[in-house]
C-alpha atoms as a PDB file:
ATOM      1  CA  MET A   1      77.203  -3.293   1.920  1.00  0.00           C
ATOM      2  CA  PRO A   2      79.705  -5.639   0.251  1.00  0.00           C
ATOM      3  CA  SER A   3      80.114  -5.541  -3.499  1.00  0.00           C
ATOM      4  CA  THR A   4      79.251  -8.523  -5.681  1.00  0.00           C
ATOM      5  CA  GLY A   5      82.960  -9.180  -6.143  1.00  0.00           C
ATOM      6  CA  GLU A   6      83.501  -9.350  -2.386  1.00  0.00           C
ATOM      7  CA  VAL A   7      80.553 -11.709  -1.966  1.00  0.00           C
ATOM      8  CA  ILE A   8      81.899 -13.972  -4.718  1.00  0.00           C
ATOM      9  CA  ARG A   9      85.426 -13.898  -3.255  1.00  0.00           C
ATOM     10  CA  ASP A  10      84.171 -14.807   0.221  1.00  0.00           C
ATOM     11  CA  ALA A  11      81.906 -17.565  -1.101  1.00  0.00           C
ATOM     12  CA  ILE A  12      84.759 -19.065  -3.146  1.00  0.00           C
ATOM     13  CA  ASN A  13      87.037 -19.012  -0.099  1.00  0.00           C
ATOM     14  CA  ASP A  14      84.333 -20.710   1.992  1.00  0.00           C
ATOM     15  CA  PHE A  15      83.669 -23.223  -0.792  1.00  0.00           C
ATOM     16  CA  GLN A  16      87.328 -24.196  -1.000  1.00  0.00           C
ATOM     17  CA  ARG A  17      87.636 -24.403   2.801  1.00  0.00           C
ATOM     18  CA  ILE A  18      84.553 -26.639   3.042  1.00  0.00           C
ATOM     19  CA  GLN A  19      85.911 -28.950   0.321  1.00  0.00           C
ATOM     20  CA  HIS A  20      89.228 -29.226   2.161  1.00  0.00           C
ATOM     21  CA  HIS A  21      87.422 -30.232   5.360  1.00  0.00           C
ATOM     22  CA  MET A  22      85.199 -32.657   3.424  1.00  0.00           C
ATOM     23  CA  LYS A  23      88.266 -34.405   2.017  1.00  0.00           C
ATOM     24  CA  ASN A  24      89.750 -34.693   5.517  1.00  0.00           C
ATOM     25  CA  ALA A  25      86.480 -35.970   6.993  1.00  0.00           C
ATOM     26  CA  LYS A  26      86.161 -38.574   4.250  1.00  0.00           C
ATOM     27  CA  SER A  27      89.720 -39.828   4.731  1.00  0.00           C
ATOM     28  CA  GLU A  28      89.092 -40.100   8.494  1.00  0.00           C
ATOM     29  CA  ASN A  29      85.731 -41.872   7.962  1.00  0.00           C
ATOM     30  CA  ALA A  30      83.957 -39.082   9.853  1.00  0.00           C
ATOM     31  CA  GLU A  31      80.619 -39.728   8.174  1.00  0.00           C
ATOM     32  CA  LYS A  32      78.508 -37.354  10.305  1.00  0.00           C
ATOM     33  CA  THR A  33      80.984 -34.517   9.866  1.00  0.00           C
ATOM     34  CA  TYR A  34      81.155 -35.192   6.129  1.00  0.00           C
ATOM     35  CA  GLU A  35      77.363 -35.065   5.782  1.00  0.00           C
ATOM     36  CA  ASP A  36      77.177 -31.806   7.750  1.00  0.00           C
ATOM     37  CA  LEU A  37      79.872 -30.263   5.564  1.00  0.00           C
ATOM     38  CA  LYS A  38      78.133 -31.562   2.455  1.00  0.00           C
ATOM     39  CA  ALA A  39      75.044 -29.487   3.305  1.00  0.00           C
ATOM     40  CA  ASP A  40      77.222 -26.352   3.457  1.00  0.00           C
ATOM     41  CA  TYR A  41      78.978 -27.418   0.252  1.00  0.00           C
ATOM     42  CA  LYS A  42      75.660 -27.707  -1.604  1.00  0.00           C
ATOM     43  CA  SER A  43      74.466 -24.315  -0.351  1.00  0.00           C
ATOM     44  CA  LEU A  44      77.681 -22.578  -1.374  1.00  0.00           C
ATOM     45  CA  LYS A  45      77.617 -24.342  -4.729  1.00  0.00           C
ATOM     46  CA  ALA A  46      74.078 -23.066  -5.344  1.00  0.00           C
ATOM     47  CA  ILE A  47      75.052 -19.513  -4.360  1.00  0.00           C
ATOM     48  CA  LEU A  48      78.132 -19.490  -6.579  1.00  0.00           C
ATOM     49  CA  THR A  49      76.207 -20.957  -9.502  1.00  0.00           C
ATOM     50  CA  SER A  50      73.491 -18.311  -9.137  1.00  0.00           C
ATOM     51  CA  LEU A  51      76.207 -15.636  -9.172  1.00  0.00           C
ATOM     52  CA  GLY A  52      77.501 -17.042 -12.465  1.00  0.00           C
ATOM     53  CA  VAL A  53      80.749 -18.515 -11.109  1.00  0.00           C
ATOM     54  CA  ASN A  54      82.172 -21.348 -13.223  1.00  0.00           C
ATOM     55  CA  LEU A  55      82.939 -24.122 -10.722  1.00  0.00           C
ATOM     56  CA  THR A  56      84.720 -26.416 -13.178  1.00  0.00           C
ATOM     57  CA  ASP A  57      88.214 -25.686 -11.885  1.00  0.00           C
ATOM     58  CA  ILE A  58      87.475 -25.195  -8.187  1.00  0.00           C
ATOM     59  CA  ASP A  59      84.981 -27.995  -7.469  1.00  0.00           C
ATOM     60  CA  VAL A  60      87.186 -30.921  -6.466  1.00  0.00           C
ATOM     61  CA  ILE A  61      84.413 -32.860  -4.683  1.00  0.00           C
ATOM     62  CA  LYS A  62      81.952 -32.801  -7.613  1.00  0.00           C
ATOM     63  CA  GLU A  63      78.852 -33.961  -5.721  1.00  0.00           C
END
């Protein structure tokens, strides 16, 4: 079973990857892709917040 630190690390990596893809989708006007990614973004944001991670510095989308 992964430790809390490993779960947080993996969630942060996924969160940053999703934001990168969201930025690309937005710049390419890929609205459907952006909305799909946004659902993942919101889920990861909720998980990280519940784990006590401060998102101030890593949340570049801020939605």
